[in-house]
């Protein structure tokens, strides 16, 4: 009777094959996990603070760190007493109580797209140059430097102090215009008064808006 002898396989060969097979299974499992992670990933929504500034209008995000202006966050404490500004409205204008970051909104009798807003923020509120460049960005204009800022600034004397006023018109076929003033009050707050809208209606409303700015006084 013949004895059948099977070929001898070294133990090291079996171990290597097992290791390779195990490594392949682990790689497939890791790939599957990665797929699950990618398919279930959610991009967080942009925060309101990144989308909105402190001037009363929606604007692109920037490095200024201004608070939102559309009610997305609680408004700062409303000034009262000697730190609060007062104004007089021309005939035909009306005032609507503010919401969110707006202290007040003015409606003019001029037909067409135009609106005046009042916003008050604590401290320097980002600084004059940062605010002016953000306003320019809202109507599609590029930033300016300190020298151009000084050239564009018009100082209006009021009973509340010196008010810095800027007037910008966008380029292109459909033009937007913005007349904006800022003033700091003794309590350390900064006030922003802006007239914005289509260039034509803003041009008609500007003389009355300037009268509002000139009427500013402290409570």
Protein backbone atom coordinates (compact mmCIF):
# COMPACT_ATOMS: atom_id res chain seq x y z
CA UNK A 1 0.00 0.00 0.00
CA UNK A 2 1.41 3.39 -1.10
CA UNK A 3 1.35 6.36 1.23
CA UNK A 4 0.21 9.65 -0.32
CA UNK A 5 2.38 12.52 0.85
CA UNK A 6 0.99 16.04 0.54
CA UNK A 7 3.40 18.82 -0.30
CA UNK A 8 4.55 20.69 2.73
CA UNK A 9 3.69 24.45 2.83
CA UNK A 10 5.82 26.53 5.09
CA UNK A 11 4.08 28.13 8.02
CA UNK A 12 5.50 31.51 7.00
CA UNK A 13 3.66 31.32 3.64
CA UNK A 14 0.28 30.78 5.32
CA UNK A 15 0.92 33.60 7.79
CA UNK A 16 1.82 36.06 5.02
CA UNK A 17 -1.26 35.17 2.98
CA UNK A 18 -3.48 35.59 6.02
CA UNK A 19 -1.93 38.94 6.81
CA UNK A 20 -2.40 40.19 3.25
CA UNK A 21 -6.02 39.10 3.22
CA UNK A 22 -6.66 40.77 6.57
CA UNK A 23 -5.02 43.99 5.47
CA UNK A 24 -7.21 44.06 2.35
CA UNK A 25 -10.36 43.65 4.42
CA UNK A 26 -9.28 46.44 6.76
CA UNK A 27 -8.59 48.75 3.80
CA UNK A 28 -12.05 48.07 2.34
CA UNK A 29 -13.66 48.71 5.71
CA UNK A 30 -11.79 51.99 6.12
CA UNK A 31 -12.82 53.07 2.62
CA UNK A 32 -16.42 52.30 3.44
CA UNK A 33 -16.21 54.37 6.62
CA UNK A 34 -14.72 57.30 4.73
CA UNK A 35 -17.54 57.15 2.19
CA UNK A 36 -20.08 57.28 4.99
CA UNK A 37 -18.34 60.28 6.52
CA UNK A 38 -18.31 62.19 3.23
CA UNK A 39 -21.90 61.40 2.32
CA UNK A 40 -23.18 62.54 5.69
CA UNK A 41 -21.05 65.69 6.06
CA UNK A 42 -22.94 68.96 6.49
CA UNK A 43 -21.47 72.39 5.81
CA UNK A 44 -22.55 74.71 8.64
CA UNK A 45 -24.64 77.70 7.62
CA UNK A 46 -22.91 81.03 7.53
CA UNK A 47 -23.54 82.92 10.71
CA UNK A 48 -25.58 86.12 10.71
CA UNK A 49 -22.60 88.03 12.08
CA UNK A 50 -20.54 87.10 9.03
CA UNK A 51 -23.27 88.13 6.57
CA UNK A 52 -24.42 91.39 8.06
CA UNK A 53 -22.85 94.58 9.23
CA UNK A 54 -23.80 97.23 11.74
CA UNK A 55 -25.07 99.83 9.26
CA UNK A 56 -28.63 98.59 8.96
CA UNK A 57 -28.22 96.61 5.73
CA UNK A 58 -27.12 93.23 4.59
CA UNK A 59 -23.59 93.13 3.31
CA UNK A 60 -20.76 90.76 2.40
CA UNK A 61 -18.74 89.33 5.22
CA UNK A 62 -15.54 91.08 6.13
CA UNK A 63 -12.87 91.33 8.80
CA UNK A 64 -14.45 94.22 10.68
CA UNK A 65 -16.40 92.02 13.09
CA UNK A 66 -19.48 94.22 13.01
CA UNK A 67 -22.70 92.89 14.55
CA UNK A 68 -25.71 92.02 12.36
CA UNK A 69 -28.24 94.63 11.38
CA UNK A 70 -31.43 92.75 10.56
CA UNK A 71 -32.50 91.55 13.99
CA UNK A 72 -30.39 88.38 13.83
CA UNK A 73 -28.90 89.29 17.20
CA UNK A 74 -30.28 91.41 20.05
CA UNK A 75 -29.86 95.13 19.53
CA UNK A 76 -27.48 96.99 21.84
CA UNK A 77 -29.01 99.01 24.71
CA UNK A 78 -30.81 102.07 23.37
CA UNK A 79 -29.08 105.28 24.43
CA UNK A 80 -30.99 107.62 26.68
CA UNK A 81 -30.37 110.90 28.42
CA UNK A 82 -27.47 113.04 27.28
CA UNK A 83 -26.12 110.38 24.91
CA UNK A 84 -29.24 110.14 22.78
CA UNK A 85 -29.50 112.04 19.50
CA UNK A 86 -32.58 113.99 18.53
CA UNK A 87 -33.56 115.34 15.11
CA UNK A 88 -36.30 117.20 13.28
CA UNK A 89 -38.02 115.77 10.21
CA UNK A 90 -38.96 117.91 7.21
CA UNK A 91 -42.57 118.15 6.12
CA UNK A 92 -43.82 114.93 4.50
CA UNK A 93 -41.25 112.69 6.22
CA UNK A 94 -42.27 110.10 8.79
CA UNK A 95 -40.39 108.02 11.37
CA UNK A 96 -40.87 104.32 12.04
CA UNK A 97 -39.54 102.80 15.29
CA UNK A 98 -36.44 100.72 14.72
CA UNK A 99 -36.21 96.94 14.85
CA UNK A 100 -33.15 94.84 15.62
CA UNK A 101 -30.03 96.93 15.10
CA UNK A 102 -31.98 99.88 13.67
CA UNK A 103 -32.68 102.72 16.05
CA UNK A 104 -35.13 104.33 13.61
CA UNK A 105 -36.21 104.36 9.96
CA UNK A 106 -37.25 107.48 8.02
CA UNK A 107 -39.68 107.42 5.12
CA UNK A 108 -39.49 110.26 2.62
CA UNK A 109 -42.30 111.53 0.36
CA UNK A 110 -40.06 111.02 -2.69
CA UNK A 111 -41.34 108.32 -5.05
CA UNK A 112 -38.98 105.49 -5.91
CA UNK A 113 -36.53 103.38 -3.98
CA UNK A 114 -35.06 105.40 -1.12
CA UNK A 115 -34.90 104.94 2.65
CA UNK A 116 -33.12 106.56 5.56
CA UNK A 117 -31.97 104.55 8.58
CA UNK A 118 -30.43 105.29 11.96
CA UNK A 119 -28.15 102.81 13.74
CA UNK A 120 -26.25 103.35 17.00
CA UNK A 121 -23.41 101.11 18.17
CA UNK A 122 -21.11 101.23 21.20
CA UNK A 123 -17.56 102.47 20.88
CA UNK A 124 -15.84 103.22 17.58
CA UNK A 125 -17.85 100.45 15.82
CA UNK A 126 -14.94 99.38 13.63
CA UNK A 127 -13.59 102.83 12.79
CA UNK A 128 -14.50 105.39 10.15
CA UNK A 129 -12.44 103.97 7.28
CA UNK A 130 -13.76 100.44 7.81
CA UNK A 131 -17.35 101.67 7.83
CA UNK A 132 -16.92 103.82 4.74
CA UNK A 133 -15.31 100.97 2.79
CA UNK A 134 -18.11 98.63 3.85
CA UNK A 135 -20.69 101.16 2.65
CA UNK A 136 -18.89 101.45 -0.66
CA UNK A 137 -18.88 97.68 -0.98
CA UNK A 138 -22.65 97.61 -0.51
CA UNK A 139 -23.10 99.55 -3.75
CA UNK A 140 -20.33 97.80 -5.67
CA UNK A 141 -17.48 100.26 -5.18
CA UNK A 142 -13.95 99.34 -4.19
CA UNK A 143 -12.22 100.35 -0.94
CA UNK A 144 -10.37 103.62 -0.48
CA UNK A 145 -7.40 104.62 1.66
CA UNK A 146 -7.02 107.28 4.33
CA UNK A 147 -6.08 109.98 1.82
CA UNK A 148 -9.17 109.34 -0.34
CA UNK A 149 -11.28 109.15 2.82
CA UNK A 150 -10.23 112.65 3.81
CA UNK A 151 -10.94 113.94 0.30
CA UNK A 152 -14.44 112.41 0.29
CA UNK A 153 -15.37 113.60 3.79
CA UNK A 154 -17.67 116.56 4.29
CA UNK A 155 -17.92 117.87 7.85
CA UNK A 156 -21.33 119.19 8.89
CA UNK A 157 -21.55 121.21 12.10
CA UNK A 158 -24.48 120.30 14.32
CA UNK A 159 -25.54 121.02 17.90
CA UNK A 160 -24.48 117.45 18.70
CA UNK A 161 -20.98 118.02 17.33
CA UNK A 162 -19.15 117.46 14.06
CA UNK A 163 -20.83 115.01 11.68
CA UNK A 164 -18.78 113.37 8.91
CA UNK A 165 -20.83 112.91 5.74
CA UNK A 166 -20.05 110.84 2.63
CA UNK A 167 -21.86 110.66 -0.71
CA UNK A 168 -21.16 107.73 -3.07
CA UNK A 169 -22.80 106.66 -6.34
CA UNK A 170 -22.25 103.24 -7.88
CA UNK A 171 -21.06 102.64 -11.41
CA UNK A 172 -22.86 100.77 -14.18
CA UNK A 173 -26.20 101.18 -15.94
CA UNK A 174 -28.36 100.92 -12.81
CA UNK A 175 -26.88 103.32 -10.30
CA UNK A 176 -27.33 103.22 -6.55
CA UNK A 177 -26.50 106.11 -4.29
CA UNK A 178 -25.69 106.39 -0.62
CA UNK A 179 -25.46 109.49 1.56
CA UNK A 180 -24.14 108.51 4.98
CA UNK A 181 -23.12 110.39 8.08
CA UNK A 182 -21.48 109.26 11.30
CA UNK A 183 -21.06 111.03 14.60
CA UNK A 184 -19.70 110.07 18.01
CA UNK A 185 -21.57 111.17 21.12
CA UNK A 186 -20.12 111.96 24.58
CA UNK A 187 -21.31 108.62 25.98
CA UNK A 188 -18.92 106.78 23.64
CA UNK A 189 -21.49 105.58 21.09
CA UNK A 190 -21.27 106.01 17.31
CA UNK A 191 -24.37 106.92 15.31
CA UNK A 192 -24.87 106.14 11.62
CA UNK A 193 -27.50 107.93 9.54
CA UNK A 194 -27.83 106.72 5.96
CA UNK A 195 -29.97 107.54 2.94
CA UNK A 196 -29.78 104.75 0.34
CA UNK A 197 -31.61 103.68 -2.79
CA UNK A 198 -31.69 104.32 -6.52
CA UNK A 199 -29.60 107.30 -7.59
CA UNK A 200 -32.55 109.36 -8.89
CA UNK A 201 -34.83 109.20 -5.84
CA UNK A 202 -31.87 109.63 -3.46
CA UNK A 203 -30.84 112.79 -5.31
CA UNK A 204 -34.35 114.23 -4.80
CA UNK A 205 -34.47 113.22 -1.14
CA UNK A 206 -30.94 114.38 -0.27
CA UNK A 207 -31.71 118.09 0.45
CA UNK A 208 -34.29 117.12 3.10
CA UNK A 209 -31.99 114.40 4.46
CA UNK A 210 -29.22 116.98 4.88
CA UNK A 211 -31.66 119.13 6.85
CA UNK A 212 -32.23 116.16 9.17
CA UNK A 213 -28.47 115.80 9.64
CA UNK A 214 -28.07 119.51 10.31
CA UNK A 215 -30.83 119.35 12.95
CA UNK A 216 -29.03 116.77 15.10
CA UNK A 217 -28.80 117.63 18.79
CA UNK A 218 -28.27 115.82 22.07
CA UNK A 219 -31.19 114.99 24.31
